[in-house]
């Protein structure tokens, strides 16, 4: 209520118009000012909190993304193709070795098949662990299909012709396997892939040489 002789004035703190010299002029002006200041500070706190939360969320996503993009998990297309071809070759030759152990009566053939089974079994285990680390594990159906395909290659061979067919397939496949492993051991971009190829290559080469010698022996030919 305006009293005669009292002129409304703007409070310099709150910005509101109050009657200067009126009742509780100073107290009301101060209260308004404090209320406005409190609201401003609250808004600023909320604003800073929202900005900080958004920044943290973004940096968290970026950090998670960057943690995946490491030299240990990113593979070139050529390295991926090599691992796929290596698994296919090892499953195929291991399947042939298992069939030889079931059907062959030739001691040399069985000895070669045993070496292949042991060496390729260890190589496959190491390969699966490597592919898992690189997020490239093949579905179970992949191994089943390769195994079935390899098994069918010898089902039509007679008992008399089995040994020769077995070692002939090994030497033919072995040439391609050695080629891709030798190439990866020198040119693979990922050091883990390169080390794997280098580690398996000696046993592959030794078993290929044994298969080649045995093929010539079964055919009655000296090794070239």
Foldseek 3Di string as FASTA:
>chain_A
DDDPPFDWDQQPQQRDTDTVVDPCVVVVSVVNNVVVVVVVVVVVVVVVVVVVVVVVVVVVVVVVVVVCPDLLQDFDPLLLVLLVVLLLLLLLLLLLLVVCCVQPPDPLSVVLSVLSNVLSVVLNVVSQVSCVSNVNHDDPVVSVVSSVVSNVQQPPPDSVCRSLSSLVVLLVSLVVSLVSLVCLLPDTPRPVSNVSSVVSNVSSVVSNVSSQCVNCVVVVHHRD
